Amino acid sequence: MTFVRYLAQSVFLLCLPLFLVLTNVRIASTWEATYDYAFSQYDVPRVTGLERSELDRAASQIVDYFETGQPGAVLDIRVKQGSDTVPLYTEREVLHMKDVLGLMRFVFRLQEFSFIYLVIYLAGVYLWSRERSLLHLAKLAMWGGAGTAALLGMAAIAMLVGFDSIFLKFHQLSFANDFWALDPARDRLVQMFPQGFWFDVSFAVGVVTVAEGGLLFLAGYGFLAWQERRRPGYVSRPRRPLNITG
């Protein structure tokens, strides 16, 4: 029984940073402000030769594709270019977006699983069975928050010093083909979302997740400090160090 308890607790601590970072990834990939940033920051209307209104409409369709697209669905976006209506992406780009959809569906399901596990663990251990106290939960919050901040902080540093190689390796590991190897001179997918944009978004996700981990740590520490002050016989000075180890 002890092994099962510690296994469940370990999975909880694993799901905590997973949920935070994947939630931020999900928000970034389905928030139209992210696309607005790309189009404005990287002068996408000039690079692609498309009107901003056409790009904004395409962004809405991409968001809908990620949120509601079924496995194998094809992203067919048509845009106005002068007096003509033409496909936004080439066949190679469309095939890559189909692969991206599969990856995003996996990310979304994993984010949902981690959320469900966190809720079930909290409800089962702390509310229903009352097997553990809120003090223990506060310590878990500190461990999970510190671990999240440390892991994502190291990831952010790694991106700063070697994003190009990380970006390349990510594509090689995530996709079973080379449809992602596009030409910025002619392929609109990389014109709309250049590598600099992916660095910006990835770094922002890392920084936000580090901040969330830090807040989680402070919340747990604050609760322990508050409980310490309520302890009978508490003397404000000298202050005894908080016990956060068990």
Protein backbone atom coordinates (compact mmCIF):
# COMPACT_ATOMS: atom_id res chain seq x y z
CA MET A 1 0.00 0.00 0.00
CA THR A 2 2.89 2.34 0.77
CA PHE A 3 4.33 1.74 -2.71
CA VAL A 4 0.99 2.57 -4.34
CA ARG A 5 0.73 5.74 -2.26
CA TYR A 6 4.17 6.93 -3.27
CA LEU A 7 3.59 5.96 -6.89
CA ALA A 8 0.37 7.98 -6.97
CA GLN A 9 2.16 10.92 -5.35
CA SER A 10 5.01 10.68 -7.86
CA VAL A 11 2.57 10.71 -10.77
CA PHE A 12 0.91 13.76 -9.20
CA LEU A 13 4.24 15.58 -9.04
CA LEU A 14 4.90 14.62 -12.68
CA CYS A 15 1.47 15.74 -13.85
CA LEU A 16 1.78 19.14 -12.18
CA PRO A 17 4.48 20.62 -14.46
CA LEU A 18 3.08 18.67 -17.39
CA PHE A 19 -0.34 20.24 -16.92
CA LEU A 20 1.08 23.74 -16.52
CA VAL A 21 3.32 23.68 -19.58
CA LEU A 22 0.82 21.89 -21.85
CA THR A 23 -1.94 24.27 -20.78
CA ASN A 24 0.26 27.18 -21.79
CA VAL A 25 1.06 25.45 -25.10
CA ARG A 26 -2.65 24.91 -25.72
CA ILE A 27 -3.47 28.53 -24.95
CA ALA A 28 -0.67 29.78 -27.20
CA SER A 29 -1.72 27.55 -30.12
CA THR A 30 -5.42 28.45 -29.97
CA TRP A 31 -5.23 32.10 -28.91
CA GLU A 32 -5.63 34.37 -31.91
CA ALA A 33 -3.48 37.02 -30.21
CA THR A 34 -0.53 34.68 -30.81
CA TYR A 35 -1.17 34.80 -34.54
CA ASP A 36 -1.70 38.54 -34.42
CA TYR A 37 1.74 38.85 -32.82
CA ALA A 38 3.34 36.77 -35.59
CA PHE A 39 1.74 38.80 -38.38
CA SER A 40 2.64 42.15 -36.82
CA GLN A 41 6.09 41.36 -35.44
CA TYR A 42 7.36 39.63 -38.58
CA ASP A 43 5.64 41.84 -41.18
CA VAL A 44 3.83 38.85 -42.63
CA PRO A 45 1.53 40.83 -45.00
CA ARG A 46 4.58 42.21 -46.80
CA VAL A 47 6.43 38.86 -46.85
CA THR A 48 3.45 36.87 -48.15
CA GLY A 49 1.87 39.56 -50.32
CA LEU A 50 -1.50 38.91 -48.67
CA GLU A 51 -3.87 41.39 -47.06
CA ARG A 52 -3.94 41.39 -43.28
CA SER A 53 -7.65 40.57 -43.30
CA GLU A 54 -6.93 37.41 -45.30
CA LEU A 55 -4.21 36.39 -42.86
CA ASP A 56 -6.50 36.98 -39.87
CA ARG A 57 -9.19 34.84 -41.47
CA ALA A 58 -6.63 32.10 -42.12
CA ALA A 59 -5.53 32.26 -38.47
CA SER A 60 -9.12 31.71 -37.33
CA GLN A 61 -9.37 28.64 -39.57
CA ILE A 62 -6.09 27.27 -38.21
CA VAL A 63 -7.33 27.69 -34.63
CA ASP A 64 -10.58 25.92 -35.52
CA TYR A 65 -8.55 23.18 -37.23
CA PHE A 66 -6.56 22.54 -34.05
CA GLU A 67 -9.62 22.66 -31.79
CA THR A 68 -12.11 20.61 -33.80
CA GLY A 69 -10.17 18.84 -36.57
CA GLN A 70 -10.57 15.07 -36.65
CA PRO A 71 -7.63 12.69 -37.34
CA GLY A 72 -6.56 12.97 -40.95
CA ALA A 73 -8.53 16.16 -41.58
CA VAL A 74 -7.14 18.40 -44.32
CA LEU A 75 -6.62 22.12 -43.80
CA ASP A 76 -8.03 23.72 -46.94
CA ILE A 77 -7.69 27.50 -46.69
CA ARG A 78 -8.43 29.72 -49.66
CA VAL A 79 -7.32 33.34 -49.78
CA LYS A 80 -7.80 36.24 -52.14
CA GLN A 81 -4.70 37.32 -54.02
CA GLY A 82 -5.56 40.23 -56.24
CA SER A 83 -8.66 39.22 -58.19
CA ASP A 84 -8.05 35.49 -57.73
CA THR A 85 -8.91 33.04 -54.96
CA VAL A 86 -6.02 30.62 -54.44
CA PRO A 87 -5.00 27.92 -51.92
CA LEU A 88 -2.98 29.38 -49.07
CA TYR A 89 -0.74 26.34 -48.74
CA THR A 90 0.85 23.89 -51.14
CA GLU A 91 0.15 20.16 -50.94
CA ARG A 92 3.37 19.63 -48.99
CA GLU A 93 2.36 22.27 -46.44
CA VAL A 94 -1.12 20.77 -46.13
CA LEU A 95 0.38 17.35 -45.46
CA HIS A 96 2.63 18.84 -42.79
CA MET A 97 -0.33 20.55 -41.13
CA LYS A 98 -2.09 17.17 -41.04
CA ASP A 99 0.90 15.85 -39.07
CA VAL A 100 0.82 18.94 -36.84
CA LEU A 101 -2.87 18.28 -36.14
CA GLY A 102 -2.02 14.77 -34.95
CA LEU A 103 0.66 16.18 -32.65
CA MET A 104 -1.68 18.86 -31.29
CA ARG A 105 -4.42 16.31 -30.61
CA PHE A 106 -1.90 14.27 -28.62
CA VAL A 107 -0.82 17.38 -26.68
CA PHE A 108 -4.43 18.32 -25.92
CA ARG A 109 -5.33 14.79 -24.75
CA LEU A 110 -2.21 14.63 -22.56
CA GLN A 111 -3.06 18.00 -21.04
CA GLU A 112 -6.61 16.81 -20.31
CA PHE A 113 -5.34 13.55 -18.79
CA SER A 114 -2.94 15.40 -16.48
CA PHE A 115 -5.74 17.72 -15.36
CA ILE A 116 -8.09 14.79 -14.67
CA TYR A 117 -5.41 12.96 -12.69
CA LEU A 118 -4.65 16.05 -10.59
CA VAL A 119 -8.33 16.51 -9.77
CA ILE A 120 -8.87 12.82 -8.94
CA TYR A 121 -5.75 12.71 -6.76
CA LEU A 122 -6.71 15.85 -4.84
CA ALA A 123 -10.32 14.73 -4.42
CA GLY A 124 -9.43 11.18 -3.42
CA VAL A 125 -6.52 11.85 -1.07
CA TYR A 126 -7.46 15.16 0.51
CA LEU A 127 -11.25 15.47 0.30
CA TRP A 128 -12.79 12.01 0.23
CA SER A 129 -10.49 9.76 2.25
CA ARG A 130 -8.74 12.61 4.13
CA GLU A 131 -5.68 10.38 4.02
CA ARG A 132 -3.38 13.39 3.93
CA SER A 133 -3.53 16.84 5.51
CA LEU A 134 -3.49 20.22 3.81
CA LEU A 135 -0.02 20.66 5.27
CA HIS A 136 1.15 17.74 3.16
CA LEU A 137 -0.58 19.24 0.12
CA ALA A 138 1.23 22.52 0.73
CA LYS A 139 4.55 20.66 0.76
CA LEU A 140 3.63 18.89 -2.47
CA ALA A 141 2.78 22.27 -3.98
CA MET A 142 6.23 23.53 -2.97
CA TRP A 143 7.99 20.49 -4.44
CA GLY A 144 5.93 20.59 -7.62
CA GLY A 145 6.29 24.34 -8.02
CA ALA A 146 10.04 24.28 -7.43
CA GLY A 147 10.47 21.35 -9.81
CA THR A 148 8.41 23.08 -12.49
CA ALA A 149 10.38 26.31 -12.19
CA ALA A 150 13.70 24.45 -12.25
CA LEU A 151 12.85 22.26 -15.26
CA LEU A 152 11.37 25.03 -17.37
CA GLY A 153 14.09 27.43 -16.30
CA MET A 154 16.73 25.02 -17.61
CA ALA A 155 14.71 24.55 -20.80
CA ALA A 156 14.56 28.33 -21.30
CA ILE A 157 18.33 28.60 -20.86
CA ALA A 158 18.85 25.75 -23.33
CA MET A 159 16.70 27.59 -25.87
CA LEU A 160 18.71 30.76 -25.41
CA VAL A 161 21.99 29.03 -26.18
CA GLY A 162 20.92 26.48 -28.80
CA PHE A 163 17.40 27.04 -30.10
CA ASP A 164 18.24 26.24 -33.73
CA SER A 165 19.48 22.73 -32.94
CA ILE A 166 16.61 22.11 -30.50
CA PHE A 167 14.08 23.25 -33.11
CA LEU A 168 15.60 20.93 -35.71
CA LYS A 169 15.75 17.96 -33.34
CA PHE A 170 12.15 18.53 -32.25
CA HIS A 171 10.95 18.21 -35.85
CA GLN A 172 13.09 15.17 -36.52
CA LEU A 173 11.71 13.39 -33.44
CA SER A 174 8.09 14.54 -33.78
CA PHE A 175 7.45 13.76 -37.44
CA ALA A 176 8.07 10.61 -39.47
CA ASN A 177 8.66 12.53 -42.72
CA ASP A 178 10.33 15.70 -43.94
CA PHE A 179 7.24 17.65 -44.97
CA TRP A 180 8.27 20.18 -42.31
CA ALA A 181 11.39 21.08 -44.34
CA LEU A 182 9.88 24.06 -46.18
CA ASP A 183 11.36 26.91 -48.18
CA PRO A 184 10.94 30.41 -46.63
CA ALA A 185 11.32 31.93 -50.11
CA ARG A 186 8.06 30.42 -51.38
CA ASP A 187 6.19 28.42 -48.71
CA ARG A 188 3.68 30.55 -46.87
CA LEU A 189 3.54 28.38 -43.78
CA VAL A 190 7.09 29.36 -42.80
CA GLN A 191 6.55 32.90 -44.08
CA MET A 192 3.60 33.27 -41.71
CA PHE A 193 5.35 31.55 -38.82
CA PRO A 194 9.14 31.99 -39.17
CA GLN A 195 11.62 30.37 -36.82
CA GLY A 196 12.00 33.59 -34.84
CA PHE A 197 8.30 33.43 -34.00
CA TRP A 198 8.68 29.90 -32.66
CA PHE A 199 11.55 31.02 -30.46
CA ASP A 200 9.44 33.88 -29.09
CA VAL A 201 6.45 31.66 -28.33
CA SER A 202 8.51 28.81 -26.87
CA PHE A 203 10.44 31.17 -24.63
CA ALA A 204 7.23 32.90 -23.53
CA VAL A 205 5.65 29.55 -22.63
CA GLY A 206 8.76 28.66 -20.62
CA VAL A 207 8.83 32.00 -18.75
CA VAL A 208 5.10 31.88 -17.94
CA THR A 209 5.39 28.29 -16.70
CA VAL A 210 8.38 29.20 -14.53
CA ALA A 211 6.33 32.04 -13.04
CA GLU A 212 3.41 29.68 -12.38
CA GLY A 213 5.75 27.20 -10.69
CA GLY A 214 7.15 30.01 -8.55
CA LEU A 215 3.67 31.12 -7.53
CA LEU A 216 2.76 27.55 -6.64
CA PHE A 217 5.88 27.29 -4.47
CA LEU A 218 5.07 30.58 -2.74
CA ALA A 219 1.46 29.50 -2.15
CA GLY A 220 2.61 26.30 -0.44
CA TYR A 221 5.26 28.12 1.57
CA GLY A 222 2.80 30.82 2.59
CA PHE A 223 0.29 28.24 3.82
CA LEU A 224 2.97 26.47 5.88
CA ALA A 225 4.10 29.79 7.36
CA TRP A 226 0.51 30.68 8.22
CA GLN A 227 -0.03 27.30 9.89
CA GLU A 228 3.23 27.74 11.79
CA ARG A 229 1.98 31.06 13.19
CA ARG A 230 -1.27 29.43 14.33
CA ARG A 231 0.59 26.69 16.19
CA PRO A 232 0.05 26.84 20.00
CA GLY A 233 3.07 28.31 21.71
CA TYR A 234 4.34 30.03 18.57
CA VAL A 235 6.90 32.72 19.30
CA SER A 236 7.63 35.16 16.49
CA ARG A 237 11.34 35.48 17.39
CA PRO A 238 13.52 33.59 17.05
CA ARG A 239 11.74 31.90 14.18
CA ARG A 240 12.11 28.17 13.76
CA PRO A 241 12.76 26.98 10.18
CA LEU A 242 9.72 25.44 8.49
CA ASN A 243 9.67 21.69 8.10
CA ILE A 244 9.08 21.04 4.40
CA THR A 245 10.62 17.60 4.14
CA GLY A 246 7.79 15.35 5.11
